């Protein structure tokens, strides 16, 4: 599982995907596919691809629902998933690996 696959999954499913780095910080991939480390204050001394390779647990957080008519009690809650579950989700994502999947066109 690569960072690019998680970025695509977060966009398609409108999730924020959280995972812990080995140094204790957390990486959040937004529903826009942007990977961020909120606690980072300078140039990182790590590689996110390598950190992702060592991550075993993830948290899927549904993106904010803009509809104000939605009952706040029925909002989807964040849920923990394993690497295997997340890999399964990314492999069955619609259009994954197709020839029309070009980011710079």
PDB file of N, CA and C in Angstrom:
ATOM      1  N   UNK A   1       0.852  -1.177   0.000  1.00  0.00           N
ATOM      2  CA  UNK A   1       0.000   0.000   0.000  1.00  0.00           C
ATOM      3  C   UNK A   1       0.897   1.239   0.000  1.00  0.00           C
ATOM      4  N   UNK A   2       0.650   2.107  -0.947  1.00  0.00           N
ATOM      5  CA  UNK A   2       1.435   3.329  -1.103  1.00  0.00           C
ATOM      6  C   UNK A   2       0.617   4.544  -0.665  1.00  0.00           C
ATOM      7  N   UNK A   3       1.309   5.628  -0.402  1.00  0.00           N
ATOM      8  CA  UNK A   3       0.670   6.870   0.001  1.00  0.00           C
ATOM      9  C   UNK A   3      -0.285   7.364  -1.088  1.00  0.00           C
ATOM     10  N   UNK A   4       0.081   7.222  -2.344  1.00  0.00           N
ATOM     11  CA  UNK A   4      -0.782   7.657  -3.444  1.00  0.00           C
ATOM     12  C   UNK A   4      -2.109   6.900  -3.435  1.00  0.00           C
ATOM     13  N   UNK A   5      -2.082   5.612  -3.086  1.00  0.00           N
ATOM     14  CA  UNK A   5      -3.316   4.824  -3.016  1.00  0.00           C
ATOM     15  C   UNK A   5      -4.227   5.335  -1.902  1.00  0.00           C
ATOM     16  N   UNK A   6      -3.632   5.670  -0.758  1.00  0.00           N
ATOM     17  CA  UNK A   6      -4.429   6.210   0.349  1.00  0.00           C
ATOM     18  C   UNK A   6      -5.000   7.574   0.002  1.00  0.00           C
ATOM     19  N   UNK A   7      -4.226   8.369  -0.717  1.00  0.00           N
ATOM     20  CA  UNK A   7      -4.709   9.689  -1.123  1.00  0.00           C
ATOM     21  C   UNK A   7      -5.929   9.543  -2.037  1.00  0.00           C
ATOM     22  N   UNK A   8      -5.853   8.625  -2.988  1.00  0.00           N
ATOM     23  CA  UNK A   8      -6.986   8.395  -3.892  1.00  0.00           C
ATOM     24  C   UNK A   8      -8.201   7.873  -3.128  1.00  0.00           C
ATOM     25  N   UNK A   9      -7.969   6.962  -2.195  1.00  0.00           N
ATOM     26  CA  UNK A   9      -9.055   6.402  -1.394  1.00  0.00           C
ATOM     27  C   UNK A   9      -9.737   7.494  -0.571  1.00  0.00           C
ATOM     28  N   UNK A  10      -8.946   8.363   0.024  1.00  0.00           N
ATOM     29  CA  UNK A  10      -9.527   9.423   0.859  1.00  0.00           C
ATOM     30  C   UNK A  10     -10.388  10.369   0.027  1.00  0.00           C
ATOM     31  N   UNK A  11     -10.000  10.608  -1.216  1.00  0.00           N
ATOM     32  CA  UNK A  11     -10.790  11.478  -2.094  1.00  0.00           C
ATOM     33  C   UNK A  11     -12.073  10.766  -2.523  1.00  0.00           C
ATOM     34  N   UNK A  12     -11.945   9.535  -2.972  1.00  0.00           N
ATOM     35  CA  UNK A  12     -13.108   8.794  -3.475  1.00  0.00           C
ATOM     36  C   UNK A  12     -14.154   8.540  -2.395  1.00  0.00           C
ATOM     37  N   UNK A  13     -13.698   8.167  -1.207  1.00  0.00           N
ATOM     38  CA  UNK A  13     -14.623   7.805  -0.129  1.00  0.00           C
ATOM     39  C   UNK A  13     -14.930   8.974   0.809  1.00  0.00           C
ATOM     40  N   UNK A  14     -14.250  10.118   0.601  1.00  0.00           N
ATOM     41  CA  UNK A  14     -14.415  11.300   1.447  1.00  0.00           C
ATOM     42  C   UNK A  14     -14.160  10.987   2.918  1.00  0.00           C
ATOM     43  N   UNK A  15     -12.977  10.397   3.160  1.00  0.00           N
ATOM     44  CA  UNK A  15     -12.496  10.088   4.501  1.00  0.00           C
ATOM     45  C   UNK A  15     -11.282  10.940   4.817  1.00  0.00           C
ATOM     46  N   UNK A  16     -11.062  11.159   6.097  1.00  0.00           N
ATOM     47  CA  UNK A  16      -9.760  11.583   6.587  1.00  0.00           C
ATOM     48  C   UNK A  16      -9.137  10.311   7.140  1.00  0.00           C
ATOM     49  N   UNK A  17      -7.920  10.019   6.736  1.00  0.00           N
ATOM     50  CA  UNK A  17      -7.244   8.801   7.175  1.00  0.00           C
ATOM     51  C   UNK A  17      -6.093   9.199   8.089  1.00  0.00           C
ATOM     52  N   UNK A  18      -6.117   8.728   9.313  1.00  0.00           N
ATOM     53  CA  UNK A  18      -5.096   9.032  10.314  1.00  0.00           C
ATOM     54  C   UNK A  18      -4.211   7.807  10.529  1.00  0.00           C
ATOM     55  N   UNK A  19      -2.904   8.038  10.692  1.00  0.00           N
ATOM     56  CA  UNK A  19      -2.028   6.957  11.150  1.00  0.00           C
ATOM     57  C   UNK A  19      -0.865   7.549  11.929  1.00  0.00           C
ATOM     58  N   UNK A  20      -0.358   6.764  12.881  1.00  0.00           N
ATOM     59  CA  UNK A  20       0.734   7.187  13.763  1.00  0.00           C
ATOM     60  C   UNK A  20       2.079   6.979  13.083  1.00  0.00           C
ATOM     61  N   UNK A  21       2.958   7.948  13.282  1.00  0.00           N
ATOM     62  CA  UNK A  21       4.336   7.831  12.831  1.00  0.00           C
ATOM     63  C   UNK A  21       5.154   7.208  13.957  1.00  0.00           C
ATOM     64  N   UNK A  22       6.311   6.685  13.634  1.00  0.00           N
ATOM     65  CA  UNK A  22       7.149   6.042  14.660  1.00  0.00           C
ATOM     66  C   UNK A  22       7.628   7.018  15.721  1.00  0.00           C
ATOM     67  N   UNK A  23       7.693   8.314  15.395  1.00  0.00           N
ATOM     68  CA  UNK A  23       8.157   9.302  16.368  1.00  0.00           C
ATOM     69  C   UNK A  23       7.027   9.823  17.248  1.00  0.00           C
ATOM     70  N   UNK A  24       5.824   9.248  17.115  1.00  0.00           N
ATOM     71  CA  UNK A  24       4.693   9.636  17.957  1.00  0.00           C
ATOM     72  C   UNK A  24       3.770  10.657  17.324  1.00  0.00           C
ATOM     73  N   UNK A  25       4.204  11.300  16.251  1.00  0.00           N
ATOM     74  CA  UNK A  25       3.345  12.257  15.568  1.00  0.00           C
ATOM     75  C   UNK A  25       2.280  11.498  14.780  1.00  0.00           C
ATOM     76  N   UNK A  26       1.335  12.240  14.241  1.00  0.00           N
ATOM     77  CA  UNK A  26       0.251  11.632  13.474  1.00  0.00           C
ATOM     78  C   UNK A  26       0.205  12.261  12.088  1.00  0.00           C
ATOM     79  N   UNK A  27      -0.019  11.435  11.085  1.00  0.00           N
ATOM     80  CA  UNK A  27      -0.232  11.904   9.723  1.00  0.00           C
ATOM     81  C   UNK A  27      -1.724  11.828   9.446  1.00  0.00           C
ATOM     82  N   UNK A  28      -2.246  12.875   8.818  1.00  0.00           N
ATOM     83  CA  UNK A  28      -3.655  12.909   8.439  1.00  0.00           C
ATOM     84  C   UNK A  28      -3.721  13.156   6.940  1.00  0.00           C
ATOM     85  N   UNK A  29      -4.391  12.246   6.247  1.00  0.00           N
ATOM     86  CA  UNK A  29      -4.633  12.437   4.824  1.00  0.00           C
ATOM     87  C   UNK A  29      -6.056  12.950   4.717  1.00  0.00           C
ATOM     88  N   UNK A  30      -6.204  14.170   4.214  1.00  0.00           N
ATOM     89  CA  UNK A  30      -7.519  14.807   4.175  1.00  0.00           C
ATOM     90  C   UNK A  30      -8.389  14.220   3.081  1.00  0.00           C
ATOM     91  N   UNK A  31      -9.665  14.588   3.108  1.00  0.00           N
ATOM     92  CA  UNK A  31     -10.591  14.138   2.084  1.00  0.00           C
ATOM     93  C   UNK A  31     -10.255  14.739   0.714  1.00  0.00           C
ATOM     94  N   UNK A  32      -9.304  15.672   0.689  1.00  0.00           N
ATOM     95  CA  UNK A  32      -8.814  16.248  -0.560  1.00  0.00           C
ATOM     96  C   UNK A  32      -7.529  15.570  -1.024  1.00  0.00           C
ATOM     97  N   UNK A  33      -7.078  14.543  -0.279  1.00  0.00           N
ATOM     98  CA  UNK A  33      -5.889  13.795  -0.660  1.00  0.00           C
ATOM     99  C   UNK A  33      -4.578  14.426  -0.224  1.00  0.00           C
ATOM    100  N   UNK A  34      -4.630  15.382   0.680  1.00  0.00           N
ATOM    101  CA  UNK A  34      -3.423  16.065   1.142  1.00  0.00           C
ATOM    102  C   UNK A  34      -2.938  15.409   2.426  1.00  0.00           C
ATOM    103  N   UNK A  35      -1.679  14.966   2.410  1.00  0.00           N
ATOM    104  CA  UNK A  35      -1.078  14.348   3.595  1.00  0.00           C
ATOM    105  C   UNK A  35      -0.428  15.443   4.436  1.00  0.00           C
ATOM    106  N   UNK A  36      -0.808  15.499   5.705  1.00  0.00           N
ATOM    107  CA  UNK A  36      -0.287  16.519   6.609  1.00  0.00           C
ATOM    108  C   UNK A  36       0.151  15.878   7.920  1.00  0.00           C
ATOM    109  N   UNK A  37       1.147  16.484   8.537  1.00  0.00           N
ATOM    110  CA  UNK A  37       1.573  16.105   9.887  1.00  0.00           C
ATOM    111  C   UNK A  37       1.396  17.371  10.720  1.00  0.00           C
ATOM    112  N   UNK A  38       0.231  17.524  11.372  1.00  0.00           N
ATOM    113  CA  UNK A  38      -0.091  18.774  12.068  1.00  0.00           C
ATOM    114  C   UNK A  38       0.940  19.215  13.104  1.00  0.00           C
ATOM    115  N   UNK A  39       1.607  18.292  13.795  1.00  0.00           N
ATOM    116  CA  UNK A  39       2.562  18.652  14.839  1.00  0.00           C
ATOM    117  C   UNK A  39       3.930  19.042  14.285  1.00  0.00           C
ATOM    118  N   UNK A  40       4.129  18.895  12.992  1.00  0.00           N
ATOM    119  CA  UNK A  40       5.426  19.174  12.378  1.00  0.00           C
ATOM    120  C   UNK A  40       5.695  20.671  12.362  1.00  0.00           C
ATOM    121  N   UNK A  41       6.853  21.076  12.876  1.00  0.00           N
ATOM    122  CA  UNK A  41       7.193  22.496  12.970  1.00  0.00           C
ATOM    123  C   UNK A  41       8.395  22.879  12.104  1.00  0.00           C
ATOM    124  N   UNK A  42       8.969  21.931  11.406  1.00  0.00           N
ATOM    125  CA  UNK A  42      10.139  22.223  10.587  1.00  0.00           C
ATOM    126  C   UNK A  42      10.317  21.174   9.510  1.00  0.00           C
ATOM    127  N   UNK A  43      11.514  21.097   9.001  1.00  0.00           N
ATOM    128  CA  UNK A  43      11.831  20.111   7.976  1.00  0.00           C
ATOM    129  C   UNK A  43      11.806  18.726   8.611  1.00  0.00           C
ATOM    130  N   UNK A  44      11.040  17.805   8.017  1.00  0.00           N
ATOM    131  CA  UNK A  44      10.929  16.471   8.626  1.00  0.00           C
ATOM    132  C   UNK A  44      12.206  15.660   8.470  1.00  0.00           C
ATOM    133  N   UNK A  45      12.466  14.789   9.429  1.00  0.00           N
ATOM    134  CA  UNK A  45      13.609  13.882   9.362  1.00  0.00           C
ATOM    135  C   UNK A  45      13.133  12.462   9.082  1.00  0.00           C
ATOM    136  N   UNK A  46      11.979  12.367   8.406  1.00  0.00           N
ATOM    137  CA  UNK A  46      11.403  11.069   8.080  1.00  0.00           C
ATOM    138  C   UNK A  46      10.773  11.139   6.695  1.00  0.00           C
ATOM    139  N   UNK A  47      10.453   9.961   6.163  1.00  0.00           N
ATOM    140  CA  UNK A  47       9.807   9.840   4.864  1.00  0.00           C
ATOM    141  C   UNK A  47       8.423   9.248   5.099  1.00  0.00           C
ATOM    142  N   UNK A  48       7.378   9.914   4.611  1.00  0.00           N
ATOM    143  CA  UNK A  48       6.022   9.436   4.863  1.00  0.00           C
ATOM    144  C   UNK A  48       5.754   8.063   4.265  1.00  0.00           C
ATOM    145  N   UNK A  49       6.361   7.758   3.114  1.00  0.00           N
ATOM    146  CA  UNK A  49       6.181   6.421   2.521  1.00  0.00           C
ATOM    147  C   UNK A  49       6.719   5.347   3.461  1.00  0.00           C
ATOM    148  N   UNK A  50       7.890   5.601   4.056  1.00  0.00           N
ATOM    149  CA  UNK A  50       8.483   4.636   4.987  1.00  0.00           C
ATOM    150  C   UNK A  50       7.652   4.528   6.267  1.00  0.00           C
ATOM    151  N   UNK A  51       7.141   5.661   6.738  1.00  0.00           N
ATOM    152  CA  UNK A  51       6.312   5.657   7.939  1.00  0.00           C
ATOM    153  C   UNK A  51       5.012   4.904   7.687  1.00  0.00           C
ATOM    154  N   UNK A  52       4.435   5.093   6.508  1.00  0.00           N
ATOM    155  CA  UNK A  52       3.218   4.374   6.149  1.00  0.00           C
ATOM    156  C   UNK A  52       3.466   2.871   6.103  1.00  0.00           C
ATOM    157  N   UNK A  53       4.626   2.477   5.596  1.00  0.00           N
ATOM    158  CA  UNK A  53       4.961   1.051   5.505  1.00  0.00           C
ATOM    159  C   UNK A  53       5.013   0.405   6.888  1.00  0.00           C
ATOM    160  N   UNK A  54       5.354   1.177   7.917  1.00  0.00           N
ATOM    161  CA  UNK A  54       5.439   0.599   9.258  1.00  0.00           C
ATOM    162  C   UNK A  54       4.140   0.742  10.054  1.00  0.00           C
ATOM    163  N   UNK A  55       3.177   1.484   9.535  1.00  0.00           N
ATOM    164  CA  UNK A  55       1.911   1.674  10.250  1.00  0.00           C
ATOM    165  C   UNK A  55       1.044   0.426  10.146  1.00  0.00           C
ATOM    166  N   UNK A  56       0.406   0.059  11.252  1.00  0.00           N
ATOM    167  CA  UNK A  56      -0.450  -1.126  11.239  1.00  0.00           C
ATOM    168  C   UNK A  56      -1.914  -0.788  11.546  1.00  0.00           C
ATOM    169  N   UNK A  57      -2.141   0.354  12.181  1.00  0.00           N
ATOM    170  CA  UNK A  57      -3.503   0.754  12.524  1.00  0.00           C
ATOM    171  C   UNK A  57      -3.800   2.131  11.950  1.00  0.00           C
ATOM    172  N   UNK A  58      -5.028   2.289  11.508  1.00  0.00           N
ATOM    173  CA  UNK A  58      -5.463   3.530  10.884  1.00  0.00           C
ATOM    174  C   UNK A  58      -6.811   3.922  11.472  1.00  0.00           C
ATOM    175  N   UNK A  59      -7.138   5.192  11.361  1.00  0.00           N
ATOM    176  CA  UNK A  59      -8.430   5.675  11.811  1.00  0.00           C
ATOM    177  C   UNK A  59      -9.096   6.349  10.621  1.00  0.00           C
ATOM    178  N   UNK A  60     -10.295   5.877  10.259  1.00  0.00           N
ATOM    179  CA  UNK A  60     -11.059   6.481   9.174  1.00  0.00           C
ATOM    180  C   UNK A  60     -12.077   7.431   9.778  1.00  0.00           C
ATOM    181  N   UNK A  61     -11.978   8.692   9.398  1.00  0.00           N
ATOM    182  CA  UNK A  61     -12.893   9.705   9.911  1.00  0.00           C
ATOM    183  C   UNK A  61     -13.685  10.255   8.730  1.00  0.00           C
ATOM    184  N   UNK A  62     -15.005  10.107   8.732  1.00  0.00           N
ATOM    185  CA  UNK A  62     -15.797  10.658   7.642  1.00  0.00           C
ATOM    186  C   UNK A  62     -15.608  12.171   7.553  1.00  0.00           C
ATOM    187  N   UNK A  63     -15.555  12.685   6.333  1.00  0.00           N
ATOM    188  CA  UNK A  63     -15.403  14.132   6.147  1.00  0.00           C
ATOM    189  C   UNK A  63     -16.643  14.834   6.687  1.00  0.00           C
ATOM    190  N   UNK A  64     -16.496  16.101   7.012  1.00  0.00           N
ATOM    191  CA  UNK A  64     -17.608  16.869   7.559  1.00  0.00           C
ATOM    192  C   UNK A  64     -18.765  16.920   6.574  1.00  0.00           C
ATOM    193  N   UNK A  65     -19.967  16.767   7.102  1.00  0.00           N
ATOM    194  CA  UNK A  65     -21.165  16.814   6.278  1.00  0.00           C
ATOM    195  C   UNK A  65     -21.664  18.256   6.243  1.00  0.00           C
ATOM    196  N   UNK A  66     -21.714  18.891   5.052  1.00  0.00           N
ATOM    197  CA  UNK A  66     -22.113  20.292   4.977  1.00  0.00           C
ATOM    198  C   UNK A  66     -23.611  20.521   5.174  1.00  0.00           C
ATOM    199  N   UNK A  67     -24.440  19.477   5.077  1.00  0.00           N
ATOM    200  CA  UNK A  67     -25.881  19.611   5.203  1.00  0.00           C
ATOM    201  C   UNK A  67     -26.258  19.849   6.656  1.00  0.00           C
ATOM    202  N   UNK A  68     -26.839  20.998   6.942  1.00  0.00           N
ATOM    203  CA  UNK A  68     -27.184  21.349   8.320  1.00  0.00           C
ATOM    204  C   UNK A  68     -28.440  20.641   8.807  1.00  0.00           C
ATOM    205  N   UNK A  69     -29.166  19.989   7.913  1.00  0.00           N
ATOM    206  CA  UNK A  69     -30.392  19.292   8.298  1.00  0.00           C
ATOM    207  C   UNK A  69     -30.111  17.913   8.880  1.00  0.00           C
ATOM    208  N   UNK A  70     -28.868  17.465   8.801  1.00  0.00           N
ATOM    209  CA  UNK A  70     -28.502  16.145   9.317  1.00  0.00           C
ATOM    210  C   UNK A  70     -28.502  16.180  10.840  1.00  0.00           C
ATOM    211  N   UNK A  71     -29.130  15.193  11.448  1.00  0.00           N
ATOM    212  CA  UNK A  71     -29.172  15.076  12.899  1.00  0.00           C
ATOM    213  C   UNK A  71     -27.771  14.749  13.411  1.00  0.00           C
ATOM    214  N   UNK A  72     -27.251  15.556  14.304  1.00  0.00           N
ATOM    215  CA  UNK A  72     -25.885  15.375  14.796  1.00  0.00           C
ATOM    216  C   UNK A  72     -25.704  14.044  15.524  1.00  0.00           C
ATOM    217  N   UNK A  73     -26.758  13.457  16.021  1.00  0.00           N
ATOM    218  CA  UNK A  73     -26.663  12.173  16.708  1.00  0.00           C
ATOM    219  C   UNK A  73     -26.413  11.032  15.716  1.00  0.00           C
ATOM    220  N   UNK A  74     -26.788  11.218  14.466  1.00  0.00           N
ATOM    221  CA  UNK A  74     -26.656  10.170  13.461  1.00  0.00           C
ATOM    222  C   UNK A  74     -25.443  10.351  12.561  1.00  0.00           C
ATOM    223  N   UNK A  75     -24.562  11.264  12.911  1.00  0.00           N
ATOM    224  CA  UNK A  75     -23.353  11.465  12.112  1.00  0.00           C
ATOM    225  C   UNK A  75     -22.448  10.237  12.202  1.00  0.00           C
ATOM    226  N   UNK A  76     -21.801   9.870  11.092  1.00  0.00           N
ATOM    227  CA  UNK A  76     -20.871   8.740  11.148  1.00  0.00           C
ATOM    228  C   UNK A  76     -19.705   9.063  12.090  1.00  0.00           C
ATOM    229  N   UNK A  77     -19.247   8.070  12.820  1.00  0.00           N
ATOM    230  CA  UNK A  77     -18.154   8.271  13.764  1.00  0.00           C
ATOM    231  C   UNK A  77     -16.861   7.687  13.198  1.00  0.00           C
ATOM    232  N   UNK A  78     -15.723   8.209  13.637  1.00  0.00           N
ATOM    233  CA  UNK A  78     -14.446   7.635  13.201  1.00  0.00           C
ATOM    234  C   UNK A  78     -14.350   6.180  13.642  1.00  0.00           C
ATOM    235  N   UNK A  79     -13.696   5.362  12.815  1.00  0.00           N
ATOM    236  CA  UNK A  79     -13.559   3.952  13.185  1.00  0.00           C
ATOM    237  C   UNK A  79     -12.150   3.466  12.881  1.00  0.00           C
ATOM    238  N   UNK A  80     -11.610   2.660  13.779  1.00  0.00           N
ATOM    239  CA  UNK A  80     -10.276   2.098  13.546  1.00  0.00           C
ATOM    240  C   UNK A  80     -10.346   0.961  12.535  1.00  0.00           C
ATOM    241  N   UNK A  81      -9.312   0.863  11.705  1.00  0.00           N
ATOM    242  CA  UNK A  81      -9.198  -0.241  10.744  1.00  0.00           C
ATOM    243  C   UNK A  81      -7.753  -0.735  10.738  1.00  0.00           C
ATOM    244  N   UNK A  82      -7.581  -1.972  10.345  1.00  0.00           N
ATOM    245  CA  UNK A  82      -6.244  -2.545  10.238  1.00  0.00           C
ATOM    246  C   UNK A  82      -5.676  -2.268   8.849  1.00  0.00           C
ATOM    247  N   UNK A  83      -4.405  -2.538   8.686  1.00  0.00           N
ATOM    248  CA  UNK A  83      -3.751  -2.381   7.389  1.00  0.00           C
ATOM    249  C   UNK A  83      -4.435  -3.252   6.336  1.00  0.00           C
ATOM    250  N   UNK A  84      -4.789  -4.487   6.708  1.00  0.00           N
ATOM    251  CA  UNK A  84      -5.418  -5.404   5.761  1.00  0.00           C
ATOM    252  C   UNK A  84      -6.780  -4.884   5.301  1.00  0.00           C
ATOM    253  N   UNK A  85      -7.567  -4.353   6.234  1.00  0.00           N
ATOM    254  CA  UNK A  85      -8.873  -3.798   5.874  1.00  0.00           C
ATOM    255  C   UNK A  85      -8.723  -2.610   4.935  1.00  0.00           C
ATOM    256  N   UNK A  86      -7.763  -1.737   5.245  1.00  0.00           N
ATOM    257  CA  UNK A  86      -7.541  -0.552   4.429  1.00  0.00           C
ATOM    258  C   UNK A  86      -7.027  -0.934   3.040  1.00  0.00           C
ATOM    259  N   UNK A  87      -6.149  -1.911   2.993  1.00  0.00           N
ATOM    260  CA  UNK A  87      -5.643  -2.385   1.703  1.00  0.00           C
ATOM    261  C   UNK A  87      -6.774  -2.961   0.864  1.00  0.00           C
ATOM    262  N   UNK A  88      -7.688  -3.682   1.503  1.00  0.00           N
ATOM    263  CA  UNK A  88      -8.840  -4.218   0.800  1.00  0.00           C
ATOM    264  C   UNK A  88      -9.737  -3.126   0.254  1.00  0.00           C
ATOM    265  N   UNK A  89      -9.914  -2.075   1.028  1.00  0.00           N
ATOM    266  CA  UNK A  89     -10.739  -0.953   0.575  1.00  0.00           C
ATOM    267  C   UNK A  89     -10.111  -0.249  -0.614  1.00  0.00           C
ATOM    268  N   UNK A  90      -8.794  -0.088  -0.585  1.00  0.00           N
ATOM    269  CA  UNK A  90      -8.136   0.630  -1.675  1.00  0.00           C
ATOM    270  C   UNK A  90      -8.058  -0.215  -2.933  1.00  0.00           C
ATOM    271  N   UNK A  91      -8.016  -1.553  -2.789  1.00  0.00           N
ATOM    272  CA  UNK A  91      -7.923  -2.399  -3.978  1.00  0.00           C
ATOM    273  C   UNK A  91      -9.259  -2.525  -4.693  1.00  0.00           C
ATOM    274  N   UNK A  92     -10.373  -2.318  -3.978  1.00  0.00           N
ATOM    275  CA  UNK A  92     -11.671  -2.409  -4.630  1.00  0.00           C
ATOM    276  C   UNK A  92     -12.264  -1.039  -4.929  1.00  0.00           C
ATOM    277  N   UNK A  93     -11.467   0.009  -4.701  1.00  0.00           N
ATOM    278  CA  UNK A  93     -11.964   1.349  -4.994  1.00  0.00           C
ATOM    279  C   UNK A  93     -12.278   1.456  -6.472  1.00  0.00           C
ATOM    280  N   UNK A  94     -13.416   2.061  -6.841  1.00  0.00           N
ATOM    281  CA  UNK A  94     -13.790   2.135  -8.242  1.00  0.00           C
ATOM    282  C   UNK A  94     -12.752   2.881  -9.061  1.00  0.00           C
ATOM    283  N   UNK A  95     -12.366   2.282 -10.164  1.00  0.00           N
ATOM    284  CA  UNK A  95     -11.436   2.921 -11.083  1.00  0.00           C
ATOM    285  C   UNK A  95      -9.986   2.832 -10.682  1.00  0.00           C
ATOM    286  N   UNK A  96      -9.655   2.122  -9.617  1.00  0.00           N
ATOM    287  CA  UNK A  96      -8.251   2.062  -9.210  1.00  0.00           C
ATOM    288  C   UNK A  96      -7.443   1.299 -10.242  1.00  0.00           C
ATOM    289  N   UNK A  97      -6.351   1.910 -10.662  1.00  0.00           N
ATOM    290  CA  UNK A  97      -5.447   1.266 -11.589  1.00  0.00           C
ATOM    291  C   UNK A  97      -5.906   1.301 -13.033  1.00  0.00           C
ATOM    292  N   UNK A  98      -6.891   2.101 -13.372  1.00  0.00           N
ATOM    293  CA  UNK A  98      -7.327   2.161 -14.758  1.00  0.00           C
ATOM    294  C   UNK A  98      -6.467   3.125 -15.551  1.00  0.00           C
ATOM    295  N   UNK A  99      -6.493   2.978 -16.839  1.00  0.00           N
ATOM    296  CA  UNK A  99      -5.680   3.825 -17.706  1.00  0.00           C
ATOM    297  C   UNK A  99      -6.139   5.272 -17.678  1.00  0.00           C
ATOM    298  N   UNK A 100      -7.394   5.524 -17.336  1.00  0.00           N
ATOM    299  CA  UNK A 100      -7.899   6.900 -17.318  1.00  0.00           C
ATOM    300  C   UNK A 100      -7.606   7.615 -16.001  1.00  0.00           C
ATOM    301  N   UNK A 101      -6.857   6.992 -15.124  1.00  0.00           N
ATOM    302  CA  UNK A 101      -6.566   7.536 -13.806  1.00  0.00           C
ATOM    303  C   UNK A 101      -5.279   8.372 -13.830  1.00  0.00           C
ATOM    304  N   UNK A 102      -5.314   9.504 -14.518  1.00  0.00           N
ATOM    305  CA  UNK A 102      -4.147  10.372 -14.620  1.00  0.00           C
ATOM    306  C   UNK A 102      -4.393  11.643 -13.825  1.00  0.00           C
ATOM    307  N   UNK A 103      -3.480  11.979 -12.927  1.00  0.00           N
ATOM    308  CA  UNK A 103      -3.665  13.122 -12.056  1.00  0.00           C
ATOM    309  C   UNK A 103      -3.358  14.443 -12.739  1.00  0.00           C
ATOM    310  N   UNK A 104      -2.474  14.452 -13.728  1.00  0.00           N
ATOM    311  CA  UNK A 104      -2.045  15.718 -14.316  1.00  0.00           C
ATOM    312  C   UNK A 104      -2.687  16.013 -15.665  1.00  0.00           C
ATOM    313  N   UNK A 105      -3.783  15.405 -15.980  1.00  0.00           N
ATOM    314  CA  UNK A 105      -4.470  15.694 -17.240  1.00  0.00           C
ATOM    315  C   UNK A 105      -5.652  16.575 -17.006  1.00  0.00           C
TER     316      UNK A 105
END
